[in-house]
Amino acid sequence: MHTTKTPQPATSNSKKMVVLIVAIVVAMVLLVWGGTALMSKLGESSDKETLAAAAAPDPATAQNREWTGTMDFNGSELGVTLFGDEAPKAVASFLHLAETDFFVDTKCHRLTTGGFDILQCGDPTGTGSGGPGYEFGPVENAPANNVYQRGTLAMARTSDPNSNGSQFFIVYGDTTIPSGAGGGYTVFGEITSGLDAVEKVAGQGTSNGQQDGPPAAPAVLGVARFK
């Protein structure tokens, strides 16, 4: 609507409303890990998505036990333990993807810093929109206190607790993530050695200079094997 009136200074109430709106927006940005921004499902597909299993692997293949092994990260070796007894669906999927070299040469596409210390990986498209061609849920083994300890491996998902796929995140510093309506995020393993390689990437920040964005340094996964 057009008007010829001279703009008036904002009233005290108007200023308070602006501050409130800004605060709400900031809070929503900080809590995106509990919503759809964690892992978009819209976007391009890849050959790896086409080659992945049509359905999520049988949780029984996790054998209700811990698995130990390694995963290549930027040419360094990460020691990894998987919790097949506590997160059988996620571990069965991760084992399947590792055995089929799904993760080889995939880039970790998202880094958050400033006390929210997470590196997100596992997307074959490197965009945050890719997956293995299947989804599974619900959430398994989420921490009751919402604290994801340094070294934790956890599944990324949208606000839908049944939207786990291939994307996961590495926690390189103790991080609190509100569980939201979906019930948190599945903790399926931990990094037992080599986390300094991840911290080295995190130390170089994001490519956009913000606290949430693509890592500025290369962060590439390689072969992963478990027994």
Foldseek 3Di string as FASTA:
>chain_A
DDDPDDDDDDDPVRVVVVVVVVVVVVVCVVQQLLAQVQFAQDDDEDPQLVVFDQEQADLCVLVLAKKWWWWAKPNDIWTKIWRSNFCSRVVSRQQRCLVVFVQAFWFQWKAADDQQGKTKTFANVSPRNHFNNYWADAATDFDPQQKQAQFWKWFGAHNANGGTGGMIMHGHHIHGHDLPPSGHIHGTIGTPDDSVVVVVQPVQPEPVPDRMGGGPDTIGIRRIDID
